[in-house]
Amino acid sequence: MGLEDRIKATAKNIEGKIQEVVGDITGNTQDQVEGKAKQAEAEARHVVENVKDKVEDVKNQVKKWLE
């Protein structure tokens, strides 16, 4: 699937990790929670991209089988 979508998800994950660490250092629980939420969102995006890839693989296999 889209490399751009994977890059965005990875960037979101990094952003979340940084925010979580800043929250850990400063003791700001809101930053910690928001950072973890961004990481969870990034993981969900990666899962969606993996599912899209698998669907595309199956589609291609079916096309080959029907030829």
N, C-alpha and C. Protein backbone atom coordinates (compact mmCIF):
# COMPACT_ATOMS: atom_id res chain seq x y z
N MET A 1 0.85 -1.19 0.00
CA MET A 1 0.00 0.00 0.00
C MET A 1 0.87 1.22 0.00
N GLY A 2 0.27 2.34 0.34
CA GLY A 2 0.94 3.62 0.18
C GLY A 2 2.09 3.86 1.14
N LEU A 3 3.24 4.07 0.54
CA LEU A 3 4.43 4.38 1.33
C LEU A 3 4.21 5.68 2.10
N GLU A 4 3.53 6.62 1.47
CA GLU A 4 3.27 7.91 2.12
C GLU A 4 2.47 7.73 3.41
N ASP A 5 1.48 6.85 3.38
CA ASP A 5 0.67 6.59 4.58
C ASP A 5 1.50 5.94 5.69
N ARG A 6 2.39 5.05 5.30
CA ARG A 6 3.26 4.41 6.29
C ARG A 6 4.23 5.42 6.90
N ILE A 7 4.74 6.32 6.08
CA ILE A 7 5.65 7.36 6.57
C ILE A 7 4.92 8.27 7.55
N LYS A 8 3.69 8.64 7.22
CA LYS A 8 2.91 9.49 8.12
C LYS A 8 2.65 8.79 9.45
N ALA A 9 2.35 7.50 9.39
CA ALA A 9 2.11 6.74 10.62
C ALA A 9 3.37 6.66 11.46
N THR A 10 4.50 6.46 10.82
CA THR A 10 5.77 6.40 11.54
C THR A 10 6.10 7.74 12.17
N ALA A 11 5.84 8.82 11.43
CA ALA A 11 6.07 10.16 11.98
C ALA A 11 5.17 10.42 13.19
N LYS A 12 3.93 9.98 13.11
CA LYS A 12 2.99 10.13 14.23
C LYS A 12 3.48 9.35 15.44
N ASN A 13 4.02 8.17 15.22
CA ASN A 13 4.55 7.36 16.30
C ASN A 13 5.73 8.06 16.97
N ILE A 14 6.64 8.59 16.17
CA ILE A 14 7.79 9.30 16.72
C ILE A 14 7.34 10.54 17.49
N GLU A 15 6.40 11.27 16.94
CA GLU A 15 5.85 12.45 17.62
C GLU A 15 5.27 12.04 18.98
N GLY A 16 4.54 10.94 18.99
CA GLY A 16 3.95 10.46 20.24
C GLY A 16 4.99 10.04 21.26
N LYS A 17 6.04 9.37 20.81
CA LYS A 17 7.10 8.96 21.73
C LYS A 17 7.79 10.17 22.34
N ILE A 18 8.07 11.16 21.51
CA ILE A 18 8.72 12.38 22.01
C ILE A 18 7.82 13.07 23.03
N GLN A 19 6.54 13.20 22.71
CA GLN A 19 5.62 13.85 23.63
C GLN A 19 5.51 13.08 24.95
N GLU A 20 5.50 11.76 24.86
CA GLU A 20 5.43 10.95 26.08
C GLU A 20 6.68 11.15 26.94
N VAL A 21 7.86 11.17 26.31
CA VAL A 21 9.11 11.36 27.05
C VAL A 21 9.16 12.75 27.68
N VAL A 22 8.72 13.75 26.94
CA VAL A 22 8.67 15.11 27.51
C VAL A 22 7.75 15.12 28.72
N GLY A 23 6.62 14.45 28.61
CA GLY A 23 5.71 14.34 29.74
C GLY A 23 6.33 13.63 30.92
N ASP A 24 7.10 12.58 30.63
CA ASP A 24 7.80 11.86 31.70
C ASP A 24 8.80 12.77 32.41
N ILE A 25 9.56 13.52 31.61
CA ILE A 25 10.59 14.41 32.17
C ILE A 25 9.98 15.54 32.98
N THR A 26 8.91 16.13 32.46
CA THR A 26 8.30 17.28 33.12
C THR A 26 7.25 16.88 34.16
N GLY A 27 6.86 15.63 34.16
CA GLY A 27 5.82 15.19 35.08
C GLY A 27 4.42 15.58 34.61
N ASN A 28 4.29 15.95 33.33
CA ASN A 28 3.01 16.36 32.76
C ASN A 28 2.27 15.12 32.26
N THR A 29 1.27 14.70 33.04
CA THR A 29 0.55 13.49 32.68
C THR A 29 -0.27 13.66 31.40
N GLN A 30 -0.72 14.88 31.11
CA GLN A 30 -1.47 15.11 29.88
C GLN A 30 -0.59 14.82 28.66
N ASP A 31 0.66 15.28 28.69
CA ASP A 31 1.58 14.99 27.58
C ASP A 31 1.86 13.50 27.49
N GLN A 32 1.98 12.84 28.63
CA GLN A 32 2.22 11.40 28.62
C GLN A 32 1.06 10.67 27.94
N VAL A 33 -0.14 11.01 28.34
CA VAL A 33 -1.34 10.36 27.80
C VAL A 33 -1.51 10.67 26.32
N GLU A 34 -1.34 11.94 25.94
CA GLU A 34 -1.49 12.31 24.54
C GLU A 34 -0.41 11.63 23.68
N GLY A 35 0.79 11.52 24.22
CA GLY A 35 1.85 10.84 23.49
C GLY A 35 1.53 9.37 23.26
N LYS A 36 1.02 8.72 24.28
CA LYS A 36 0.64 7.32 24.15
C LYS A 36 -0.52 7.16 23.16
N ALA A 37 -1.44 8.11 23.17
CA ALA A 37 -2.58 8.06 22.24
C ALA A 37 -2.09 8.20 20.80
N LYS A 38 -1.13 9.07 20.56
CA LYS A 38 -0.58 9.22 19.21
C LYS A 38 0.12 7.95 18.77
N GLN A 39 0.80 7.30 19.68
CA GLN A 39 1.46 6.03 19.34
C GLN A 39 0.42 4.95 19.00
N ALA A 40 -0.67 4.93 19.73
CA ALA A 40 -1.73 3.96 19.46
C ALA A 40 -2.37 4.24 18.10
N GLU A 41 -2.56 5.52 17.79
CA GLU A 41 -3.12 5.89 16.49
C GLU A 41 -2.18 5.44 15.37
N ALA A 42 -0.90 5.65 15.56
CA ALA A 42 0.08 5.24 14.55
C ALA A 42 0.05 3.73 14.35
N GLU A 43 -0.05 2.98 15.43
CA GLU A 43 -0.11 1.52 15.32
C GLU A 43 -1.36 1.10 14.56
N ALA A 44 -2.48 1.75 14.83
CA ALA A 44 -3.73 1.44 14.12
C ALA A 44 -3.57 1.73 12.63
N ARG A 45 -2.91 2.82 12.29
CA ARG A 45 -2.68 3.15 10.88
C ARG A 45 -1.83 2.07 10.20
N HIS A 46 -0.82 1.58 10.92
CA HIS A 46 0.02 0.53 10.35
C HIS A 46 -0.80 -0.75 10.13
N VAL A 47 -1.67 -1.07 11.06
CA VAL A 47 -2.52 -2.26 10.92
C VAL A 47 -3.42 -2.11 9.69
N VAL A 48 -4.00 -0.94 9.51
CA VAL A 48 -4.86 -0.69 8.35
C VAL A 48 -4.06 -0.88 7.06
N GLU A 49 -2.87 -0.34 7.01
CA GLU A 49 -2.04 -0.49 5.82
C GLU A 49 -1.68 -1.94 5.56
N ASN A 50 -1.41 -2.69 6.62
CA ASN A 50 -1.11 -4.12 6.46
C ASN A 50 -2.31 -4.88 5.91
N VAL A 51 -3.50 -4.55 6.38
CA VAL A 51 -4.73 -5.19 5.89
C VAL A 51 -4.92 -4.85 4.41
N LYS A 52 -4.71 -3.60 4.05
CA LYS A 52 -4.84 -3.20 2.65
C LYS A 52 -3.87 -4.00 1.78
N ASP A 53 -2.66 -4.18 2.26
CA ASP A 53 -1.67 -4.96 1.51
C ASP A 53 -2.12 -6.40 1.32
N LYS A 54 -2.67 -7.00 2.37
CA LYS A 54 -3.12 -8.39 2.28
C LYS A 54 -4.29 -8.52 1.31
N VAL A 55 -5.21 -7.57 1.34
CA VAL A 55 -6.35 -7.59 0.42
C VAL A 55 -5.85 -7.50 -1.02
N GLU A 56 -4.89 -6.64 -1.26
CA GLU A 56 -4.31 -6.50 -2.59
C GLU A 56 -3.63 -7.80 -3.02
N ASP A 57 -2.93 -8.45 -2.11
CA ASP A 57 -2.28 -9.73 -2.42
C ASP A 57 -3.31 -10.79 -2.81
N VAL A 58 -4.39 -10.87 -2.04
CA VAL A 58 -5.44 -11.84 -2.34
C VAL A 58 -6.07 -11.54 -3.69
N LYS A 59 -6.33 -10.28 -3.95
CA LYS A 59 -6.91 -9.86 -5.22
C LYS A 59 -6.00 -10.30 -6.38
N ASN A 60 -4.72 -10.10 -6.25
CA ASN A 60 -3.79 -10.49 -7.29
C ASN A 60 -3.73 -11.99 -7.47
N GLN A 61 -3.80 -12.74 -6.38
CA GLN A 61 -3.79 -14.20 -6.45
C GLN A 61 -5.04 -14.71 -7.17
N VAL A 62 -6.18 -14.10 -6.88
CA VAL A 62 -7.43 -14.51 -7.53
C VAL A 62 -7.36 -14.21 -9.02
N LYS A 63 -6.82 -13.05 -9.37
CA LYS A 63 -6.68 -12.70 -10.79
C LYS A 63 -5.83 -13.73 -11.52
N LYS A 64 -4.72 -14.13 -10.90
CA LYS A 64 -3.85 -15.13 -11.52
C LYS A 64 -4.56 -16.46 -11.64
N TRP A 65 -5.31 -16.82 -10.63
CA TRP A 65 -6.03 -18.09 -10.63
C TRP A 65 -7.08 -18.13 -11.74
N LEU A 66 -7.71 -16.97 -11.99
CA LEU A 66 -8.77 -16.91 -13.00
C LEU A 66 -8.23 -16.85 -14.43
N GLU A 67 -6.97 -16.57 -14.59
CA GLU A 67 -6.39 -16.48 -15.95
C GLU A 67 -6.20 -17.82 -16.58
